[in-house]
Amino acid sequence: MQNITLPFSSSEPLSVFFSRGSGIESEHLVDIVLSDTNGKPIVAIGDLERIVYPRSATKLFQCLTLSSMNPEISEKEYSVICSSHNGQKEHINIVEKILKKNGLSHENLICGPHWSLEKNEFINQVRKYTQPSTLQSNCSGKHSGMLLLCKLLNADLKGYERLDHPVQKKIVETINFLTNKNILDYPYGVDGCGVPAFSAPLKIWGQALARFADDKKLPDSLRNGKRLIANAICKEPFFIAGDNRICTAIAETLGNKITPKMGAEAVYFCSLNDLGLGLVLKCRDGSRRAVEFALGQVLKLLNYKISKKLAKHFNSEIYNLSGDIVGSKSIKLL
């Protein structure tokens, strides 16, 4: 990929290969768009019309609805509201702080509980036989933000996850503005945490993210809200994900140049704030390891500095449990 010249277009997706020994063990197909605010692709790989559910990657847009109202929220709080966090104690403490200072309770959260995503914290939970709570949900920050938005809108806390609730209607307004589409014209459903999950063609999400990145043309409230989000994730990168997570590594390494957000089923959003462009990747079969490797190749193509901490997420070598190299990752562009 390092040899291609921009702008670049291919109707075929990027093939990501995982090899073991001398043979290819698996192949994953990744669609990629790098778009400007007018929807013009600088990089177009694969099917840009393919419908994509960004899932948690849309947390940047969901939080923008809140931040545009400029409530009293700290940088750590904004970062965790945008996060799919590990459920480490630091994350939980910030979520509890958001709830407490706004007269809310974890009992208001409908996101459902699950064990911590971070290995050591998960082991501690199991050792203590501690039943996980909704606070440990990787979406508890987002849901806390939605509850705060309820209060700002003077809306009922109950049912905030429903599409006909004022909170979700306000979020749809924000997404419609960024996409310049009625997002409800495309398929939609329910996310794993219980709130609406929207979809649109890949190219539409690329343009929306470019409008988020190149914020000079946004209305004042959205522009200020976007900058609050980007600055918070830059200054408090741990809270956008946590230990051993790629979102945190990108934010630590590249600061305000890129605002990153992953989504379930192998979606990746990168708001390239320094270039005013939106980068979206989606692996068709939902392979997270494939989309992360593809992301590394694109960031290198765009000449972003890759730190040692970030490089481990883009490593082309495959190791066994003993630490021996047993395979490799590679890509192919048609």
C-alpha atoms as a PDB file:
ATOM      1  CA  MET A   1       0.000   0.000   0.000  1.00  0.00           C
ATOM      2  CA  GLN A   2       2.939   2.326   0.533  1.00  0.00           C
ATOM      3  CA  ASN A   3       3.514   2.495  -3.230  1.00  0.00           C
ATOM      4  CA  ILE A   4       0.098   3.845  -4.206  1.00  0.00           C
ATOM      5  CA  THR A   5      -0.450   7.461  -5.243  1.00  0.00           C
ATOM      6  CA  LEU A   6      -3.309   9.557  -3.917  1.00  0.00           C
ATOM      7  CA  PRO A   7      -6.079   9.936  -4.879  1.00  0.00           C
ATOM      8  CA  PHE A   8      -6.551   6.185  -5.210  1.00  0.00           C
ATOM      9  CA  SER A   9      -9.574   4.128  -6.183  1.00  0.00           C
ATOM     10  CA  SER A  10     -10.250   0.410  -6.497  1.00  0.00           C
ATOM     11  CA  SER A  11     -13.626  -1.287  -6.785  1.00  0.00           C
ATOM     12  CA  GLU A  12     -12.166  -4.334  -5.041  1.00  0.00           C
ATOM     13  CA  PRO A  13     -11.836  -4.408  -1.235  1.00  0.00           C
ATOM     14  CA  LEU A  14      -8.486  -4.651   0.509  1.00  0.00           C
ATOM     15  CA  SER A  15      -7.574  -8.281   1.177  1.00  0.00           C
ATOM     16  CA  VAL A  16      -5.974  -8.913   4.572  1.00  0.00           C
ATOM     17  CA  PHE A  17      -4.246 -12.282   4.799  1.00  0.00           C
ATOM     18  CA  PHE A  18      -3.289 -14.215   7.928  1.00  0.00           C
ATOM     19  CA  SER A  19      -0.693 -16.854   7.146  1.00  0.00           C
ATOM     20  CA  ARG A  20       0.618 -19.753   9.198  1.00  0.00           C
ATOM     21  CA  GLY A  21       3.882 -21.317   8.114  1.00  0.00           C
ATOM     22  CA  SER A  22       3.967 -21.213   4.340  1.00  0.00           C
ATOM     23  CA  GLY A  23       0.217 -21.123   3.763  1.00  0.00           C
ATOM     24  CA  ILE A  24      -2.649 -18.631   3.962  1.00  0.00           C
ATOM     25  CA  GLU A  25      -4.940 -19.527   6.852  1.00  0.00           C
ATOM     26  CA  SER A  26      -7.603 -16.840   6.434  1.00  0.00           C
ATOM     27  CA  GLU A  27      -8.519 -13.879   4.256  1.00  0.00           C
ATOM     28  CA  HIS A  28     -10.602 -10.864   5.275  1.00  0.00           C
ATOM     29  CA  LEU A  29     -12.061  -8.187   2.993  1.00  0.00           C
ATOM     30  CA  VAL A  30     -11.988  -4.547   4.122  1.00  0.00           C
ATOM     31  CA  ASP A  31     -13.813  -1.621   2.528  1.00  0.00           C
ATOM     32  CA  ILE A  32     -12.174   1.773   3.069  1.00  0.00           C
ATOM     33  CA  VAL A  33     -13.062   5.379   2.365  1.00  0.00           C
ATOM     34  CA  LEU A  34     -11.094   8.552   3.037  1.00  0.00           C
ATOM     35  CA  SER A  35     -13.436  11.425   2.267  1.00  0.00           C
ATOM     36  CA  ASP A  36     -13.536  15.200   2.257  1.00  0.00           C
ATOM     37  CA  THR A  37     -16.525  17.288   3.371  1.00  0.00           C
ATOM     38  CA  ASN A  38     -18.004  17.285  -0.138  1.00  0.00           C
ATOM     39  CA  GLY A  39     -18.022  13.497  -0.244  1.00  0.00           C
ATOM     40  CA  LYS A  40     -15.108  13.353  -2.668  1.00  0.00           C
ATOM     41  CA  PRO A  41     -13.027  10.233  -1.885  1.00  0.00           C
ATOM     42  CA  ILE A  42      -9.260  10.574  -1.644  1.00  0.00           C
ATOM     43  CA  VAL A  43      -9.060   6.834  -0.988  1.00  0.00           C
ATOM     44  CA  ALA A  44     -11.859   4.561  -2.204  1.00  0.00           C
ATOM     45  CA  ILE A  45     -11.250   0.844  -1.737  1.00  0.00           C
ATOM     46  CA  GLY A  46     -14.072  -1.629  -2.179  1.00  0.00           C
ATOM     47  CA  ASP A  47     -17.795  -0.953  -2.233  1.00  0.00           C
ATOM     48  CA  LEU A  48     -18.534   2.574  -1.007  1.00  0.00           C
ATOM     49  CA  GLU A  49     -22.272   1.939  -1.381  1.00  0.00           C
ATOM     50  CA  ARG A  50     -22.139  -0.977   1.040  1.00  0.00           C
ATOM     51  CA  ILE A  51     -24.399  -0.485   4.060  1.00  0.00           C
ATOM     52  CA  VAL A  52     -22.445  -0.178   7.308  1.00  0.00           C
ATOM     53  CA  TYR A  53     -23.633  -0.114  10.918  1.00  0.00           C
ATOM     54  CA  PRO A  54     -20.864   1.853  12.698  1.00  0.00           C
ATOM     55  CA  ARG A  55     -22.202   0.722  16.088  1.00  0.00           C
ATOM     56  CA  SER A  56     -20.058   2.289  18.834  1.00  0.00           C
ATOM     57  CA  ALA A  57     -18.108   4.404  16.342  1.00  0.00           C
ATOM     58  CA  THR A  58     -21.171   6.692  16.232  1.00  0.00           C
ATOM     59  CA  LYS A  59     -20.555   7.575  19.886  1.00  0.00           C
ATOM     60  CA  LEU A  60     -18.628  10.594  18.586  1.00  0.00           C
ATOM     61  CA  PHE A  61     -21.832  11.856  16.956  1.00  0.00           C
ATOM     62  CA  GLN A  62     -24.044  10.849  19.890  1.00  0.00           C
ATOM     63  CA  CYS A  63     -21.790  12.750  22.278  1.00  0.00           C
ATOM     64  CA  LEU A  64     -21.706  15.733  19.907  1.00  0.00           C
ATOM     65  CA  THR A  65     -25.427  16.169  20.545  1.00  0.00           C
ATOM     66  CA  LEU A  66     -24.616  16.594  24.237  1.00  0.00           C
ATOM     67  CA  SER A  67     -21.403  18.630  23.906  1.00  0.00           C
ATOM     68  CA  SER A  68     -23.098  21.104  21.528  1.00  0.00           C
ATOM     69  CA  MET A  69     -25.214  22.175  24.515  1.00  0.00           C
ATOM     70  CA  ASN A  70     -22.004  22.910  26.471  1.00  0.00           C
ATOM     71  CA  PRO A  71     -22.933  21.350  29.818  1.00  0.00           C
ATOM     72  CA  GLU A  72     -20.507  21.309  32.738  1.00  0.00           C
ATOM     73  CA  ILE A  73     -18.475  18.214  31.823  1.00  0.00           C
ATOM     74  CA  SER A  74     -14.779  17.562  32.430  1.00  0.00           C
ATOM     75  CA  GLU A  75     -12.359  16.231  29.820  1.00  0.00           C
ATOM     76  CA  LYS A  76     -12.244  12.821  31.504  1.00  0.00           C
ATOM     77  CA  GLU A  77     -16.023  12.732  31.473  1.00  0.00           C
ATOM     78  CA  TYR A  78     -16.276  13.622  27.780  1.00  0.00           C
ATOM     79  CA  SER A  79     -13.689  10.996  26.922  1.00  0.00           C
ATOM     80  CA  VAL A  80     -15.535   8.265  28.828  1.00  0.00           C
ATOM     81  CA  ILE A  81     -18.910   9.328  27.357  1.00  0.00           C
ATOM     82  CA  CYS A  82     -17.425   8.682  23.889  1.00  0.00           C
ATOM     83  CA  SER A  83     -15.745   5.467  24.982  1.00  0.00           C
ATOM     84  CA  SER A  84     -16.160   1.754  24.678  1.00  0.00           C
ATOM     85  CA  HIS A  85     -14.170   1.447  27.870  1.00  0.00           C
ATOM     86  CA  ASN A  86     -12.549  -1.544  29.513  1.00  0.00           C
ATOM     87  CA  GLY A  87     -14.561  -1.308  32.712  1.00  0.00           C
ATOM     88  CA  GLN A  88     -11.435  -0.586  34.748  1.00  0.00           C
ATOM     89  CA  LYS A  89     -11.888   1.108  38.108  1.00  0.00           C
ATOM     90  CA  GLU A  90     -10.824   4.481  36.682  1.00  0.00           C
ATOM     91  CA  HIS A  91     -13.569   4.291  34.053  1.00  0.00           C
ATOM     92  CA  ILE A  92     -16.178   3.242  36.580  1.00  0.00           C
ATOM     93  CA  ASN A  93     -15.193   6.066  38.934  1.00  0.00           C
ATOM     94  CA  ILE A  94     -15.732   8.671  36.206  1.00  0.00           C
ATOM     95  CA  VAL A  95     -19.103   7.224  35.193  1.00  0.00           C
ATOM     96  CA  GLU A  96     -20.171   7.259  38.849  1.00  0.00           C
ATOM     97  CA  LYS A  97     -19.033  10.884  39.093  1.00  0.00           C
ATOM     98  CA  ILE A  98     -21.129  11.890  36.050  1.00  0.00           C
ATOM     99  CA  LEU A  99     -24.189  10.234  37.546  1.00  0.00           C
ATOM    100  CA  LYS A 100     -23.753  11.498  41.096  1.00  0.00           C
ATOM    101  CA  LYS A 101     -23.128  15.148  40.307  1.00  0.00           C
ATOM    102  CA  ASN A 102     -26.197  15.218  38.056  1.00  0.00           C
ATOM    103  CA  GLY A 103     -28.533  13.539  40.543  1.00  0.00           C
ATOM    104  CA  LEU A 104     -28.628  10.297  38.560  1.00  0.00           C
ATOM    105  CA  SER A 105     -28.155   6.647  39.518  1.00  0.00           C
ATOM    106  CA  HIS A 106     -26.683   3.547  37.900  1.00  0.00           C
ATOM    107  CA  GLU A 107     -30.174   2.120  38.265  1.00  0.00           C
ATOM    108  CA  ASN A 108     -31.253   4.506  35.502  1.00  0.00           C
ATOM    109  CA  LEU A 109     -28.794   2.865  33.056  1.00  0.00           C
ATOM    110  CA  ILE A 110     -30.392   0.336  30.689  1.00  0.00           C
ATOM    111  CA  CYS A 111     -27.138  -0.764  29.013  1.00  0.00           C
ATOM    112  CA  GLY A 112     -26.933  -4.079  30.866  1.00  0.00           C
ATOM    113  CA  PRO A 113     -23.923  -5.509  32.757  1.00  0.00           C
ATOM    114  CA  HIS A 114     -20.935  -7.472  31.545  1.00  0.00           C
ATOM    115  CA  TRP A 115     -17.500  -8.417  32.818  1.00  0.00           C
ATOM    116  CA  SER A 116     -14.550  -6.072  32.349  1.00  0.00           C
ATOM    117  CA  LEU A 117     -12.870  -6.109  28.934  1.00  0.00           C
ATOM    118  CA  GLU A 118      -9.465  -5.729  30.592  1.00  0.00           C
ATOM    119  CA  LYS A 119      -7.866  -9.056  31.499  1.00  0.00           C
ATOM    120  CA  ASN A 120      -6.493  -8.211  34.937  1.00  0.00           C
ATOM    121  CA  GLU A 121      -9.690  -6.474  36.042  1.00  0.00           C
ATOM    122  CA  PHE A 122     -11.732  -9.408  34.742  1.00  0.00           C
ATOM    123  CA  ILE A 123      -9.574 -11.848  36.749  1.00  0.00           C
ATOM    124  CA  ASN A 124     -10.059  -9.742  39.889  1.00  0.00           C
ATOM    125  CA  GLN A 125     -13.816  -9.760  39.379  1.00  0.00           C
ATOM    126  CA  VAL A 126     -13.869 -13.527  39.010  1.00  0.00           C
ATOM    127  CA  ARG A 127     -11.644 -14.035  42.068  1.00  0.00           C
ATOM    128  CA  LYS A 128     -14.004 -11.920  44.145  1.00  0.00           C
ATOM    129  CA  TYR A 129     -17.074 -13.578  42.623  1.00  0.00           C
ATOM    130  CA  THR A 130     -18.279 -10.040  41.967  1.00  0.00           C
ATOM    131  CA  GLN A 131     -21.394  -9.817  39.831  1.00  0.00           C
ATOM    132  CA  PRO A 132     -20.771  -7.181  37.124  1.00  0.00           C
ATOM    133  CA  SER A 133     -22.958  -4.090  37.130  1.00  0.00           C
ATOM    134  CA  THR A 134     -24.160  -1.739  34.419  1.00  0.00           C
ATOM    135  CA  LEU A 135     -21.337   0.611  35.433  1.00  0.00           C
ATOM    136  CA  GLN A 136     -18.851  -1.900  34.001  1.00  0.00           C
ATOM    137  CA  SER A 137     -20.596  -2.001  30.644  1.00  0.00           C
ATOM    138  CA  ASN A 138     -18.294  -0.590  27.983  1.00  0.00           C
ATOM    139  CA  CYS A 139     -21.225   1.695  27.033  1.00  0.00           C
ATOM    140  CA  SER A 140     -21.981   3.024  30.531  1.00  0.00           C
ATOM    141  CA  GLY A 141     -20.305   6.351  29.714  1.00  0.00           C
ATOM    142  CA  LYS A 142     -22.484   6.872  26.642  1.00  0.00           C
ATOM    143  CA  HIS A 143     -25.614   5.982  28.581  1.00  0.00           C
ATOM    144  CA  SER A 144     -24.652   8.369  31.388  1.00  0.00           C
ATOM    145  CA  GLY A 145     -24.296  11.086  28.766  1.00  0.00           C
ATOM    146  CA  MET A 146     -27.735  10.252  27.387  1.00  0.00           C
ATOM    147  CA  LEU A 147     -29.230  10.505  30.867  1.00  0.00           C
ATOM    148  CA  LEU A 148     -27.625  13.915  31.284  1.00  0.00           C
ATOM    149  CA  LEU A 149     -29.077  14.904  27.908  1.00  0.00           C
ATOM    150  CA  CYS A 150     -32.498  13.879  29.271  1.00  0.00           C
ATOM    151  CA  LYS A 151     -32.094  16.422  32.049  1.00  0.00           C
ATOM    152  CA  LEU A 152     -30.930  19.154  29.686  1.00  0.00           C
ATOM    153  CA  LEU A 153     -33.973  18.528  27.490  1.00  0.00           C
ATOM    154  CA  ASN A 154     -36.320  18.254  30.504  1.00  0.00           C
ATOM    155  CA  ALA A 155     -37.256  14.807  29.246  1.00  0.00           C
ATOM    156  CA  ASP A 156     -38.307  11.702  31.159  1.00  0.00           C
ATOM    157  CA  LEU A 157     -35.396   9.468  32.159  1.00  0.00           C
ATOM    158  CA  LYS A 158     -37.437   6.381  31.401  1.00  0.00           C
ATOM    159  CA  GLY A 159     -37.349   5.133  27.849  1.00  0.00           C
ATOM    160  CA  TYR A 160     -34.339   7.247  26.824  1.00  0.00           C
ATOM    161  CA  GLU A 161     -33.226   4.357  24.621  1.00  0.00           C
ATOM    162  CA  ARG A 162     -36.368   4.432  22.473  1.00  0.00           C
ATOM    163  CA  LEU A 163     -36.243   6.009  19.043  1.00  0.00           C
ATOM    164  CA  ASP A 164     -39.296   8.144  19.833  1.00  0.00           C
ATOM    165  CA  HIS A 165     -37.690   9.618  22.986  1.00  0.00           C
ATOM    166  CA  PRO A 166     -36.517  13.279  22.828  1.00  0.00           C
ATOM    167  CA  VAL A 167     -32.899  12.195  23.447  1.00  0.00           C
ATOM    168  CA  GLN A 168     -32.798   9.866  20.452  1.00  0.00           C
ATOM    169  CA  LYS A 169     -34.695  12.350  18.299  1.00  0.00           C
ATOM    170  CA  LYS A 170     -32.048  14.973  19.120  1.00  0.00           C
ATOM    171  CA  ILE A 171     -29.253  12.529  18.272  1.00  0.00           C
ATOM    172  CA  VAL A 172     -30.938  11.716  14.949  1.00  0.00           C
ATOM    173  CA  GLU A 173     -30.999  15.462  14.188  1.00  0.00           C
ATOM    174  CA  THR A 174     -27.228  15.643  14.710  1.00  0.00           C
ATOM    175  CA  ILE A 175     -26.531  12.583  12.559  1.00  0.00           C
ATOM    176  CA  ASN A 176     -28.875  13.859   9.848  1.00  0.00           C
ATOM    177  CA  PHE A 177     -27.020  17.173   9.791  1.00  0.00           C
ATOM    178  CA  LEU A 178     -23.603  15.527   9.487  1.00  0.00           C
ATOM    179  CA  THR A 179     -24.694  13.006   6.861  1.00  0.00           C
ATOM    180  CA  ASN A 180     -26.975  15.437   5.010  1.00  0.00           C
ATOM    181  CA  LYS A 181     -29.411  12.515   4.856  1.00  0.00           C
ATOM    182  CA  ASN A 182     -32.411  11.230   6.756  1.00  0.00           C
ATOM    183  CA  ILE A 183     -30.615   8.412   8.563  1.00  0.00           C
ATOM    184  CA  LEU A 184     -33.943   6.672   9.178  1.00  0.00           C
ATOM    185  CA  ASP A 185     -34.275   6.096   5.414  1.00  0.00           C
ATOM    186  CA  TYR A 186     -31.617   3.412   5.842  1.00  0.00           C
ATOM    187  CA  PRO A 187     -31.922   0.176   7.853  1.00  0.00           C
ATOM    188  CA  TYR A 188     -31.700   0.610  11.616  1.00  0.00           C
ATOM    189  CA  GLY A 189     -32.002  -1.603  14.659  1.00  0.00           C
ATOM    190  CA  VAL A 190     -30.994  -1.936  18.298  1.00  0.00           C
ATOM    191  CA  ASP A 191     -27.382  -1.938  19.464  1.00  0.00           C
ATOM    192  CA  GLY A 192     -26.002  -4.422  21.986  1.00  0.00           C
ATOM    193  CA  CYS A 193     -26.425  -1.861  24.762  1.00  0.00           C
ATOM    194  CA  GLY A 194     -30.073  -1.188  23.925  1.00  0.00           C
ATOM    195  CA  VAL A 195     -30.020   2.147  22.069  1.00  0.00           C
ATOM    196  CA  PRO A 196     -30.728   2.648  18.347  1.00  0.00           C
ATOM    197  CA  ALA A 197     -28.108   1.443  15.869  1.00  0.00           C
ATOM    198  CA  PHE A 198     -28.112   3.320  12.580  1.00  0.00           C
ATOM    199  CA  SER A 199     -26.695   2.403   9.193  1.00  0.00           C
ATOM    200  CA  ALA A 200     -25.798   4.118   5.920  1.00  0.00           C
ATOM    201  CA  PRO A 201     -23.511   3.533   2.926  1.00  0.00           C
ATOM    202  CA  LEU A 202     -19.801   3.659   3.738  1.00  0.00           C
ATOM    203  CA  LYS A 203     -19.310   6.836   1.688  1.00  0.00           C
ATOM    204  CA  ILE A 204     -22.009   8.654   3.696  1.00  0.00           C
ATOM    205  CA  TRP A 205     -20.240   7.910   6.970  1.00  0.00           C
ATOM    206  CA  GLY A 206     -16.943   9.052   5.431  1.00  0.00           C
ATOM    207  CA  GLN A 207     -18.406  12.414   4.461  1.00  0.00           C
ATOM    208  CA  ALA A 208     -20.112  12.823   7.851  1.00  0.00           C
ATOM    209  CA  LEU A 209     -16.852  12.159   9.648  1.00  0.00           C
ATOM    210  CA  ALA A 210     -15.051  14.637   7.359  1.00  0.00           C
ATOM    211  CA  ARG A 211     -17.585  17.294   8.329  1.00  0.00           C
ATOM    212  CA  PHE A 212     -16.859  16.439  11.963  1.00  0.00           C
ATOM    213  CA  ALA A 213     -13.097  16.698  11.307  1.00  0.00           C
ATOM    214  CA  ASP A 214     -13.174  19.914   9.239  1.00  0.00           C
ATOM    215  CA  ASP A 215     -15.291  21.720  11.803  1.00  0.00           C
ATOM    216  CA  LYS A 216     -14.836  25.249  10.436  1.00  0.00           C
ATOM    217  CA  LYS A 217     -18.056  24.935   8.430  1.00  0.00           C
ATOM    218  CA  LEU A 218     -20.144  23.618  11.315  1.00  0.00           C
ATOM    219  CA  PRO A 219     -22.589  25.844  13.209  1.00  0.00           C
ATOM    220  CA  ASP A 220     -21.007  27.403  16.292  1.00  0.00           C
ATOM    221  CA  SER A 221     -22.635  25.000  18.747  1.00  0.00           C
ATOM    222  CA  LEU A 222     -21.550  21.883  16.848  1.00  0.00           C
ATOM    223  CA  ARG A 223     -18.071  23.260  16.152  1.00  0.00           C
ATOM    224  CA  ASN A 224     -17.497  24.052  19.815  1.00  0.00           C
ATOM    225  CA  GLY A 225     -18.963  20.688  20.793  1.00  0.00           C
ATOM    226  CA  LYS A 226     -16.687  18.826  18.412  1.00  0.00           C
ATOM    227  CA  ARG A 227     -13.609  20.599  19.751  1.00  0.00           C
ATOM    228  CA  LEU A 228     -14.596  19.764  23.320  1.00  0.00           C
ATOM    229  CA  ILE A 229     -14.734  16.090  22.329  1.00  0.00           C
ATOM    230  CA  ALA A 230     -11.489  16.059  20.344  1.00  0.00           C
ATOM    231  CA  ASN A 231      -9.548  17.940  23.035  1.00  0.00           C
ATOM    232  CA  ALA A 232     -10.906  15.673  25.772  1.00  0.00           C
ATOM    233  CA  ILE A 233      -9.882  12.457  23.999  1.00  0.00           C
ATOM    234  CA  CYS A 234      -6.483  13.981  23.182  1.00  0.00           C
ATOM    235  CA  LYS A 235      -5.822  15.028  26.787  1.00  0.00           C
ATOM    236  CA  GLU A 236      -7.437  12.005  28.471  1.00  0.00           C
ATOM    237  CA  PRO A 237      -6.744   9.117  26.062  1.00  0.00           C
ATOM    238  CA  PHE A 238      -6.994   6.406  28.721  1.00  0.00           C
ATOM    239  CA  PHE A 239     -10.689   7.098  29.138  1.00  0.00           C
ATOM    240  CA  ILE A 240     -11.630   6.555  25.478  1.00  0.00           C
ATOM    241  CA  ALA A 241     -10.786   2.837  25.859  1.00  0.00           C
ATOM    242  CA  GLY A 242      -8.133   1.805  28.414  1.00  0.00           C
ATOM    243  CA  ASP A 243      -5.071  -0.393  28.768  1.00  0.00           C
ATOM    244  CA  ASN A 244      -3.950  -2.330  25.690  1.00  0.00           C
ATOM    245  CA  ARG A 245      -6.552  -0.718  23.441  1.00  0.00           C
ATOM    246  CA  ILE A 246      -5.898   0.765  20.021  1.00  0.00           C
ATOM    247  CA  CYS A 247      -8.115   3.851  20.471  1.00  0.00           C
ATOM    248  CA  THR A 248      -6.099   4.858  23.515  1.00  0.00           C
ATOM    249  CA  ALA A 249      -2.798   4.172  21.720  1.00  0.00           C
ATOM    250  CA  ILE A 250      -3.800   6.326  18.732  1.00  0.00           C
ATOM    251  CA  ALA A 251      -4.947   9.210  20.939  1.00  0.00           C
ATOM    252  CA  GLU A 252      -1.761   9.018  23.041  1.00  0.00           C
ATOM    253  CA  THR A 253       0.488   8.921  19.983  1.00  0.00           C
ATOM    254  CA  LEU A 254      -1.198  11.317  17.578  1.00  0.00           C
ATOM    255  CA  GLY A 255      -3.000  13.645  19.973  1.00  0.00           C
ATOM    256  CA  ASN A 256      -5.415  16.087  18.384  1.00  0.00           C
ATOM    257  CA  LYS A 257      -4.402  15.116  14.852  1.00  0.00           C
ATOM    258  CA  ILE A 258      -6.755  12.126  14.986  1.00  0.00           C
ATOM    259  CA  THR A 259      -9.876  11.481  17.023  1.00  0.00           C
ATOM    260  CA  PRO A 260     -10.338   7.679  16.877  1.00  0.00           C
ATOM    261  CA  LYS A 261     -13.328   5.465  17.624  1.00  0.00           C
ATOM    262  CA  MET A 262     -13.856   1.786  17.022  1.00  0.00           C
ATOM    263  CA  GLY A 263     -17.192   0.066  16.566  1.00  0.00           C
ATOM    264  CA  ALA A 264     -18.373  -3.515  16.973  1.00  0.00           C
ATOM    265  CA  GLU A 265     -18.136  -5.905  14.030  1.00  0.00           C
ATOM    266  CA  ALA A 266     -14.851  -4.398  12.839  1.00  0.00           C
ATOM    267  CA  VAL A 267     -15.698  -0.765  12.084  1.00  0.00           C
ATOM    268  CA  TYR A 268     -13.174   2.015  12.568  1.00  0.00           C
ATOM    269  CA  PHE A 269     -13.708   5.789  12.456  1.00  0.00           C
ATOM    270  CA  CYS A 270     -10.798   8.224  12.413  1.00  0.00           C
ATOM    271  CA  SER A 271     -11.558  11.932  12.354  1.00  0.00           C
ATOM    272  CA  LEU A 272      -8.399  13.289  10.736  1.00  0.00           C
ATOM    273  CA  ASN A 273      -8.600  16.721  12.321  1.00  0.00           C
ATOM    274  CA  ASP A 274      -5.286  17.926  10.897  1.00  0.00           C
ATOM    275  CA  LEU A 275      -6.353  17.100   7.326  1.00  0.00           C
ATOM    276  CA  GLY A 276     -10.067  17.787   7.646  1.00  0.00           C
ATOM    277  CA  LEU A 277     -10.860  14.315   6.309  1.00  0.00           C
ATOM    278  CA  GLY A 278     -12.934  11.367   7.466  1.00  0.00           C
ATOM    279  CA  LEU A 279     -11.481   7.835   7.415  1.00  0.00           C
ATOM    280  CA  VAL A 280     -13.820   4.861   7.754  1.00  0.00           C
ATOM    281  CA  LEU A 281     -12.933   1.174   7.535  1.00  0.00           C
ATOM    282  CA  LYS A 282     -15.217  -1.856   7.739  1.00  0.00           C
ATOM    283  CA  CYS A 283     -14.153  -5.498   7.584  1.00  0.00           C
ATOM    284  CA  ARG A 284     -16.972  -7.395   5.903  1.00  0.00           C
ATOM    285  CA  ASP A 285     -16.797 -10.469   8.140  1.00  0.00           C
ATOM    286  CA  GLY A 286     -16.415  -8.508  11.380  1.00  0.00           C
ATOM    287  CA  SER A 287     -12.765  -9.403  12.051  1.00  0.00           C
ATOM    288  CA  ARG A 288     -11.357  -6.848  14.470  1.00  0.00           C
ATOM    289  CA  ARG A 289      -7.750  -7.974  14.023  1.00  0.00           C
ATOM    290  CA  ALA A 290      -8.067  -7.559  10.246  1.00  0.00           C
ATOM    291  CA  VAL A 291      -9.520  -4.044  10.360  1.00  0.00           C
ATOM    292  CA  GLU A 292      -6.897  -2.928  12.880  1.00  0.00           C
ATOM    293  CA  PHE A 293      -4.093  -4.202  10.654  1.00  0.00           C
ATOM    294  CA  ALA A 294      -5.674  -2.453   7.651  1.00  0.00           C
ATOM    295  CA  LEU A 295      -5.960   0.751   9.673  1.00  0.00           C
ATOM    296  CA  GLY A 296      -2.243   0.630  10.409  1.00  0.00           C
ATOM    297  CA  GLN A 297      -1.472   0.352   6.708  1.00  0.00           C
ATOM    298  CA  VAL A 298      -3.646   3.374   5.891  1.00  0.00           C
ATOM    299  CA  LEU A 299      -2.132   5.517   8.656  1.00  0.00           C
ATOM    300  CA  LYS A 300       1.350   4.677   7.341  1.00  0.00           C
ATOM    301  CA  LEU A 301       0.220   5.584   3.818  1.00  0.00           C
ATOM    302  CA  LEU A 302      -0.879   8.978   5.148  1.00  0.00           C
ATOM    303  CA  ASN A 303       2.543   9.442   6.809  1.00  0.00           C
ATOM    304  CA  TYR A 304       1.355   9.470  10.397  1.00  0.00           C
ATOM    305  CA  LYS A 305       4.061   8.757  12.939  1.00  0.00           C
ATOM    306  CA  ILE A 306       3.565   5.316  14.463  1.00  0.00           C
ATOM    307  CA  SER A 307       4.960   5.016  18.002  1.00  0.00           C
ATOM    308  CA  LYS A 308       6.258   1.747  19.441  1.00  0.00           C
ATOM    309  CA  LYS A 309       3.152   1.502  21.613  1.00  0.00           C
ATOM    310  CA  LEU A 310       0.884   1.955  18.624  1.00  0.00           C
ATOM    311  CA  ALA A 311       2.985  -0.243  16.344  1.00  0.00           C
ATOM    312  CA  LYS A 312       2.282  -3.339  18.444  1.00  0.00           C
ATOM    313  CA  HIS A 313      -1.364  -3.116  17.363  1.00  0.00           C
ATOM    314  CA  PHE A 314      -0.235  -3.126  13.715  1.00  0.00           C
ATOM    315  CA  ASN A 315       2.409  -5.841  14.051  1.00  0.00           C
ATOM    316  CA  SER A 316       2.666  -8.002  10.923  1.00  0.00           C
ATOM    317  CA  GLU A 317       3.886 -11.034  12.890  1.00  0.00           C
ATOM    318  CA  ILE A 318       1.676 -13.693  14.500  1.00  0.00           C
ATOM    319  CA  TYR A 319       2.856 -15.340  17.713  1.00  0.00           C
ATOM    320  CA  ASN A 320       1.896 -18.497  19.548  1.00  0.00           C
ATOM    321  CA  LEU A 321       1.370 -18.728  23.311  1.00  0.00           C
ATOM    322  CA  SER A 322       5.068 -19.311  23.849  1.00  0.00           C
ATOM    323  CA  GLY A 323       5.971 -16.088  22.095  1.00  0.00           C
ATOM    324  CA  ASP A 324       7.339 -17.733  18.953  1.00  0.00           C
ATOM    325  CA  ILE A 325       6.633 -16.277  15.520  1.00  0.00           C
ATOM    326  CA  VAL A 326       4.375 -18.746  13.715  1.00  0.00           C
ATOM    327  CA  GLY A 327       2.791 -16.633  10.993  1.00  0.00           C
ATOM    328  CA  SER A 328       2.318 -13.231   9.426  1.00  0.00           C
ATOM    329  CA  LYS A 329      -0.221 -10.663   8.287  1.00  0.00           C
ATOM    330  CA  SER A 330      -0.190  -9.089   4.849  1.00  0.00           C
ATOM    331  CA  ILE A 331      -2.416  -7.144   2.484  1.00  0.00           C
ATOM    332  CA  LYS A 332      -3.208  -7.195  -1.218  1.00  0.00           C
ATOM    333  CA  LEU A 333      -4.778  -4.495  -3.352  1.00  0.00           C
ATOM    334  CA  LEU A 334      -6.238  -5.287  -6.773  1.00  0.00           C
END
